[in-house]
PDB file of all heavy atoms in Angstrom:
ATOM      1  N   ALA A   1       0.829  -1.207   0.000  1.00  0.00           N
ATOM      2  CA  ALA A   1       0.000   0.000   0.000  1.00  0.00           C
ATOM      3  C   ALA A   1       0.862   1.256   0.000  1.00  0.00           C
ATOM      4  O   ALA A   1       0.587   2.225  -0.716  1.00  0.00           O
ATOM      5  CB  ALA A   1      -0.932  -0.018   1.219  1.00  0.00           C
ATOM      6  N   ALA A   2       1.929   1.239   0.822  1.00  0.00           N
ATOM      7  CA  ALA A   2       2.823   2.398   0.863  1.00  0.00           C
ATOM      8  C   ALA A   2       3.524   2.591  -0.482  1.00  0.00           C
ATOM      9  O   ALA A   2       3.701   3.719  -0.951  1.00  0.00           O
ATOM     10  CB  ALA A   2       3.859   2.218   1.971  1.00  0.00           C
ATOM     11  N   GLY A   3       3.918   1.471  -1.118  1.00  0.00           N
ATOM     12  CA  GLY A   3       4.577   1.570  -2.422  1.00  0.00           C
ATOM     13  C   GLY A   3       3.645   2.143  -3.485  1.00  0.00           C
ATOM     14  O   GLY A   3       4.054   2.979  -4.299  1.00  0.00           O
ATOM     15  N   LEU A   4       2.395   1.702  -3.479  1.00  0.00           N
ATOM     16  CA  LEU A   4       1.422   2.212  -4.439  1.00  0.00           C
ATOM     17  C   LEU A   4       1.158   3.695  -4.203  1.00  0.00           C
ATOM     18  O   LEU A   4       1.111   4.494  -5.154  1.00  0.00           O
ATOM     19  CB  LEU A   4       0.122   1.426  -4.331  1.00  0.00           C
ATOM     20  CG  LEU A   4      -1.031   1.901  -5.221  1.00  0.00           C
ATOM     21  CD1 LEU A   4      -0.649   1.797  -6.692  1.00  0.00           C
ATOM     22  CD2 LEU A   4      -2.299   1.101  -4.926  1.00  0.00           C
ATOM     23  N   PHE A   5       0.986   4.087  -2.947  1.00  0.00           N
ATOM     24  CA  PHE A   5       0.735   5.482  -2.622  1.00  0.00           C
ATOM     25  C   PHE A   5       1.931   6.347  -3.020  1.00  0.00           C
ATOM     26  O   PHE A   5       1.781   7.430  -3.581  1.00  0.00           O
ATOM     27  CB  PHE A   5       0.453   5.608  -1.123  1.00  0.00           C
ATOM     28  CG  PHE A   5       0.068   6.992  -0.693  1.00  0.00           C
ATOM     29  CD1 PHE A   5      -1.083   7.597  -1.193  1.00  0.00           C
ATOM     30  CD2 PHE A   5       0.844   7.697   0.205  1.00  0.00           C
ATOM     31  CE1 PHE A   5      -1.449   8.872  -0.795  1.00  0.00           C
ATOM     32  CE2 PHE A   5       0.492   8.983   0.604  1.00  0.00           C
ATOM     33  CZ  PHE A   5      -0.662   9.559   0.106  1.00  0.00           C
ATOM     34  N   GLY A   6       3.131   5.852  -2.750  1.00  0.00           N
ATOM     35  CA  GLY A   6       4.329   6.598  -3.133  1.00  0.00           C
ATOM     36  C   GLY A   6       4.452   6.748  -4.639  1.00  0.00           C
ATOM     37  O   GLY A   6       4.852   7.808  -5.134  1.00  0.00           O
ATOM     38  N   PHE A   7       4.106   5.687  -5.378  1.00  0.00           N
ATOM     39  CA  PHE A   7       4.167   5.761  -6.839  1.00  0.00           C
ATOM     40  C   PHE A   7       3.185   6.795  -7.378  1.00  0.00           C
ATOM     41  O   PHE A   7       3.515   7.582  -8.266  1.00  0.00           O
ATOM     42  CB  PHE A   7       3.868   4.396  -7.445  1.00  0.00           C
ATOM     43  CG  PHE A   7       3.728   4.424  -8.946  1.00  0.00           C
ATOM     44  CD1 PHE A   7       4.846   4.505  -9.758  1.00  0.00           C
ATOM     45  CD2 PHE A   7       2.477   4.410  -9.533  1.00  0.00           C
ATOM     46  CE1 PHE A   7       4.717   4.549 -11.140  1.00  0.00           C
ATOM     47  CE2 PHE A   7       2.332   4.455 -10.910  1.00  0.00           C
ATOM     48  CZ  PHE A   7       3.459   4.527 -11.717  1.00  0.00           C
ATOM     49  N   LEU A   8       1.972   6.804  -6.842  1.00  0.00           N
ATOM     50  CA  LEU A   8       0.973   7.759  -7.307  1.00  0.00           C
ATOM     51  C   LEU A   8       1.403   9.194  -7.013  1.00  0.00           C
ATOM     52  O   LEU A   8       1.172  10.105  -7.820  1.00  0.00           O
ATOM     53  CB  LEU A   8      -0.373   7.463  -6.653  1.00  0.00           C
ATOM     54  CG  LEU A   8      -1.031   6.133  -7.053  1.00  0.00           C
ATOM     55  CD1 LEU A   8      -2.310   5.907  -6.264  1.00  0.00           C
ATOM     56  CD2 LEU A   8      -1.320   6.098  -8.552  1.00  0.00           C
ATOM     57  N   LEU A   9       2.022   9.412  -5.854  1.00  0.00           N
ATOM     58  CA  LEU A   9       2.488  10.751  -5.511  1.00  0.00           C
ATOM     59  C   LEU A   9       3.610  11.213  -6.433  1.00  0.00           C
ATOM     60  O   LEU A   9       3.690  12.379  -6.811  1.00  0.00           O
ATOM     61  CB  LEU A   9       2.974  10.783  -4.054  1.00  0.00           C
ATOM     62  CG  LEU A   9       1.912  10.850  -2.958  1.00  0.00           C
ATOM     63  CD1 LEU A   9       2.577  10.776  -1.587  1.00  0.00           C
ATOM     64  CD2 LEU A   9       1.087  12.125  -3.068  1.00  0.00           C
ATOM     65  N   SER A  10       4.481  10.293  -6.805  1.00  0.00           N
ATOM     66  CA  SER A  10       5.663  10.670  -7.584  1.00  0.00           C
ATOM     67  C   SER A  10       5.458  10.545  -9.087  1.00  0.00           C
ATOM     68  O   SER A  10       6.293  11.018  -9.859  1.00  0.00           O
ATOM     69  CB  SER A  10       6.857   9.794  -7.167  1.00  0.00           C
ATOM     70  OG  SER A  10       6.574   8.427  -7.414  1.00  0.00           O
ATOM     71  N   ALA A  11       4.367   9.911  -9.516  1.00  0.00           N
ATOM     72  CA  ALA A  11       4.164   9.640 -10.940  1.00  0.00           C
ATOM     73  C   ALA A  11       4.226  10.892 -11.817  1.00  0.00           C
ATOM     74  O   ALA A  11       4.814  10.851 -12.907  1.00  0.00           O
ATOM     75  CB  ALA A  11       2.828   8.916 -11.148  1.00  0.00           C
ATOM     76  N   PRO A  12       3.647  12.037 -11.399  1.00  0.00           N
ATOM     77  CA  PRO A  12       3.729  13.228 -12.268  1.00  0.00           C
ATOM     78  C   PRO A  12       5.153  13.659 -12.591  1.00  0.00           C
ATOM     79  O   PRO A  12       5.371  14.317 -13.599  1.00  0.00           O
ATOM     80  CB  PRO A  12       2.987  14.299 -11.452  1.00  0.00           C
ATOM     81  CG  PRO A  12       2.040  13.536 -10.596  1.00  0.00           C
ATOM     82  CD  PRO A  12       2.776  12.285 -10.235  1.00  0.00           C
ATOM     83  N   GLN A  13       6.113  13.313 -11.736  1.00  0.00           N
ATOM     84  CA  GLN A  13       7.504  13.656 -12.034  1.00  0.00           C
ATOM     85  C   GLN A  13       8.281  12.457 -12.583  1.00  0.00           C
ATOM     86  O   GLN A  13       9.096  12.593 -13.488  1.00  0.00           O
ATOM     87  CB  GLN A  13       8.210  14.169 -10.776  1.00  0.00           C
ATOM     88  CG  GLN A  13       9.667  14.540 -11.027  1.00  0.00           C
ATOM     89  CD  GLN A  13      10.325  15.138  -9.800  1.00  0.00           C
ATOM     90  OE1 GLN A  13       9.667  15.389  -8.804  1.00  0.00           O
ATOM     91  NE2 GLN A  13      11.610  15.376  -9.875  1.00  0.00           N
ATOM     92  N   VAL A  14       8.009  11.269 -12.044  1.00  0.00           N
ATOM     93  CA  VAL A  14       8.798  10.096 -12.425  1.00  0.00           C
ATOM     94  C   VAL A  14       8.506   9.671 -13.864  1.00  0.00           C
ATOM     95  O   VAL A  14       9.431   9.377 -14.633  1.00  0.00           O
ATOM     96  CB  VAL A  14       8.525   8.933 -11.453  1.00  0.00           C
ATOM     97  CG1 VAL A  14       9.158   7.653 -11.970  1.00  0.00           C
ATOM     98  CG2 VAL A  14       9.075   9.267 -10.078  1.00  0.00           C
ATOM     99  N   LEU A  15       7.245   9.619 -14.257  1.00  0.00           N
ATOM    100  CA  LEU A  15       6.911   9.109 -15.587  1.00  0.00           C
ATOM    101  C   LEU A  15       7.498   9.975 -16.708  1.00  0.00           C
ATOM    102  O   LEU A  15       8.095   9.448 -17.653  1.00  0.00           O
ATOM    103  CB  LEU A  15       5.396   8.976 -15.729  1.00  0.00           C
ATOM    104  CG  LEU A  15       4.754   7.917 -14.805  1.00  0.00           C
ATOM    105  CD1 LEU A  15       3.253   7.843 -15.037  1.00  0.00           C
ATOM    106  CD2 LEU A  15       5.394   6.548 -15.017  1.00  0.00           C
ATOM    107  N   PRO A  16       7.357  11.319 -16.656  1.00  0.00           N
ATOM    108  CA  PRO A  16       8.034  12.119 -17.689  1.00  0.00           C
ATOM    109  C   PRO A  16       9.557  11.972 -17.641  1.00  0.00           C
ATOM    110  O   PRO A  16      10.210  12.018 -18.684  1.00  0.00           O
ATOM    111  CB  PRO A  16       7.598  13.557 -17.364  1.00  0.00           C
ATOM    112  CG  PRO A  16       6.345  13.421 -16.593  1.00  0.00           C
ATOM    113  CD  PRO A  16       6.516  12.167 -15.800  1.00  0.00           C
ATOM    114  N   SER A  17      10.114  11.799 -16.441  1.00  0.00           N
ATOM    115  CA  SER A  17      11.562  11.632 -16.337  1.00  0.00           C
ATOM    116  C   SER A  17      12.014  10.353 -17.017  1.00  0.00           C
ATOM    117  O   SER A  17      13.062  10.304 -17.671  1.00  0.00           O
ATOM    118  CB  SER A  17      11.988  11.622 -14.862  1.00  0.00           C
ATOM    119  OG  SER A  17      11.673  12.846 -14.241  1.00  0.00           O
ATOM    120  N   LEU A  18      11.243   9.289 -16.869  1.00  0.00           N
ATOM    121  CA  LEU A  18      11.598   8.029 -17.517  1.00  0.00           C
ATOM    122  C   LEU A  18      11.518   8.162 -19.038  1.00  0.00           C
ATOM    123  O   LEU A  18      12.331   7.586 -19.760  1.00  0.00           O
ATOM    124  CB  LEU A  18      10.678   6.907 -17.031  1.00  0.00           C
ATOM    125  CG  LEU A  18      10.842   6.504 -15.563  1.00  0.00           C
ATOM    126  CD1 LEU A  18       9.842   5.408 -15.197  1.00  0.00           C
ATOM    127  CD2 LEU A  18      12.265   6.029 -15.289  1.00  0.00           C
ATOM    128  N   ALA A  19      10.535   8.916 -19.520  1.00  0.00           N
ATOM    129  CA  ALA A  19      10.437   9.134 -20.960  1.00  0.00           C
ATOM    130  C   ALA A  19      11.606   9.978 -21.462  1.00  0.00           C
ATOM    131  O   ALA A  19      12.104   9.780 -22.571  1.00  0.00           O
ATOM    132  CB  ALA A  19       9.108   9.814 -21.284  1.00  0.00           C
ATOM    133  N   TYR A  20      12.041  10.907 -20.648  1.00  0.00           N
ATOM    134  CA  TYR A  20      13.165  11.786 -21.021  1.00  0.00           C
ATOM    135  C   TYR A  20      14.493  11.044 -20.965  1.00  0.00           C
ATOM    136  O   TYR A  20      15.425  11.363 -21.709  1.00  0.00           O
ATOM    137  CB  TYR A  20      13.175  12.968 -20.053  1.00  0.00           C
ATOM    138  CG  TYR A  20      14.373  13.883 -20.165  1.00  0.00           C
ATOM    139  CD1 TYR A  20      14.372  14.928 -21.078  1.00  0.00           C
ATOM    140  CD2 TYR A  20      15.495  13.715 -19.360  1.00  0.00           C
ATOM    141  CE1 TYR A  20      15.454  15.772 -21.192  1.00  0.00           C
ATOM    142  CE2 TYR A  20      16.580  14.557 -19.461  1.00  0.00           C
ATOM    143  CZ  TYR A  20      16.563  15.585 -20.378  1.00  0.00           C
ATOM    144  OH  TYR A  20      17.628  16.424 -20.492  1.00  0.00           O
ATOM    145  N   LYS A  21      14.584  10.052 -20.091  1.00  0.00           N
ATOM    146  CA  LYS A  21      15.859   9.389 -19.826  1.00  0.00           C
ATOM    147  C   LYS A  21      16.474   8.769 -21.081  1.00  0.00           C
ATOM    148  O   LYS A  21      17.692   8.754 -21.243  1.00  0.00           O
ATOM    149  CB  LYS A  21      15.675   8.310 -18.752  1.00  0.00           C
ATOM    150  CG  LYS A  21      16.964   7.590 -18.349  1.00  0.00           C
ATOM    151  CD  LYS A  21      16.693   6.623 -17.213  1.00  0.00           C
ATOM    152  CE  LYS A  21      17.965   5.860 -16.866  1.00  0.00           C
ATOM    153  NZ  LYS A  21      18.383   4.943 -17.914  1.00  0.00           N
ATOM    154  N   SER A  22      15.652   8.276 -21.985  1.00  0.00           N
ATOM    155  CA  SER A  22      16.191   7.642 -23.192  1.00  0.00           C
ATOM    156  C   SER A  22      16.939   8.639 -24.070  1.00  0.00           C
ATOM    157  O   SER A  22      17.759   8.247 -24.901  1.00  0.00           O
ATOM    158  CB  SER A  22      15.066   6.976 -23.983  1.00  0.00           C
ATOM    159  OG  SER A  22      14.105   7.947 -24.386  1.00  0.00           O
ATOM    160  N   HIS A  23      16.664   9.936 -23.905  1.00  0.00           N
ATOM    161  CA  HIS A  23      17.350  10.972 -24.684  1.00  0.00           C
ATOM    162  C   HIS A  23      18.457  11.656 -23.884  1.00  0.00           C
ATOM    163  O   HIS A  23      19.116  12.556 -24.380  1.00  0.00           O
ATOM    164  CB  HIS A  23      16.345  12.038 -25.141  1.00  0.00           C
ATOM    165  CG  HIS A  23      15.199  11.487 -25.917  1.00  0.00           C
ATOM    166  ND1 HIS A  23      15.320  11.060 -27.238  1.00  0.00           N
ATOM    167  CD2 HIS A  23      13.911  11.255 -25.565  1.00  0.00           C
ATOM    168  CE1 HIS A  23      14.144  10.626 -27.663  1.00  0.00           C
ATOM    169  NE2 HIS A  23      13.276  10.726 -26.675  1.00  0.00           N
ATOM    170  N   SER A  24      18.639  11.224 -22.640  1.00  0.00           N
ATOM    171  CA  SER A  24      19.615  11.856 -21.757  1.00  0.00           C
ATOM    172  C   SER A  24      20.996  11.242 -21.956  1.00  0.00           C
ATOM    173  O   SER A  24      21.148  10.103 -22.413  1.00  0.00           O
ATOM    174  CB  SER A  24      19.173  11.692 -20.298  1.00  0.00           C
ATOM    175  OG  SER A  24      20.235  11.963 -19.413  1.00  0.00           O
ATOM    176  N   TRP A  25      22.023  12.001 -21.573  1.00  0.00           N
ATOM    177  CA  TRP A  25      23.383  11.486 -21.682  1.00  0.00           C
ATOM    178  C   TRP A  25      23.635  10.358 -20.685  1.00  0.00           C
ATOM    179  O   TRP A  25      24.622   9.634 -20.796  1.00  0.00           O
ATOM    180  CB  TRP A  25      24.385  12.614 -21.477  1.00  0.00           C
ATOM    181  CG  TRP A  25      24.529  13.099 -20.062  1.00  0.00           C
ATOM    182  CD1 TRP A  25      23.637  13.822 -19.359  1.00  0.00           C
ATOM    183  CD2 TRP A  25      25.651  12.903 -19.201  1.00  0.00           C
ATOM    184  NE1 TRP A  25      24.114  14.099 -18.102  1.00  0.00           N
ATOM    185  CE2 TRP A  25      25.351  13.552 -17.979  1.00  0.00           C
ATOM    186  CE3 TRP A  25      26.881  12.257 -19.329  1.00  0.00           C
ATOM    187  CZ2 TRP A  25      26.232  13.551 -16.907  1.00  0.00           C
ATOM    188  CZ3 TRP A  25      27.759  12.273 -18.257  1.00  0.00           C
ATOM    189  CH2 TRP A  25      27.431  12.909 -17.056  1.00  0.00           C
ATOM    190  N   ARG A  26      22.723  10.186 -19.709  1.00  0.00           N
ATOM    191  CA  ARG A  26      22.905   9.096 -18.752  1.00  0.00           C
ATOM    192  C   ARG A  26      22.359   7.769 -19.272  1.00  0.00           C
ATOM    193  O   ARG A  26      22.557   6.734 -18.645  1.00  0.00           O
ATOM    194  CB  ARG A  26      22.210   9.445 -17.440  1.00  0.00           C
ATOM    195  CG  ARG A  26      22.829  10.643 -16.748  1.00  0.00           C
ATOM    196  CD  ARG A  26      22.378  10.746 -15.320  1.00  0.00           C
ATOM    197  NE  ARG A  26      22.912  11.926 -14.654  1.00  0.00           N
ATOM    198  CZ  ARG A  26      22.868  12.128 -13.350  1.00  0.00           C
ATOM    199  NH1 ARG A  26      22.303  11.229 -12.586  1.00  0.00           N
ATOM    200  NH2 ARG A  26      23.361  13.225 -12.824  1.00  0.00           N
TER     201      ARG A  26
END
């Protein structure tokens, strides 16, 4: 439950970051 709640809270930042990561130098 804590993991799901944490994912929902962070999704607005994490999901775009993951999409951006493929174009990043990292």
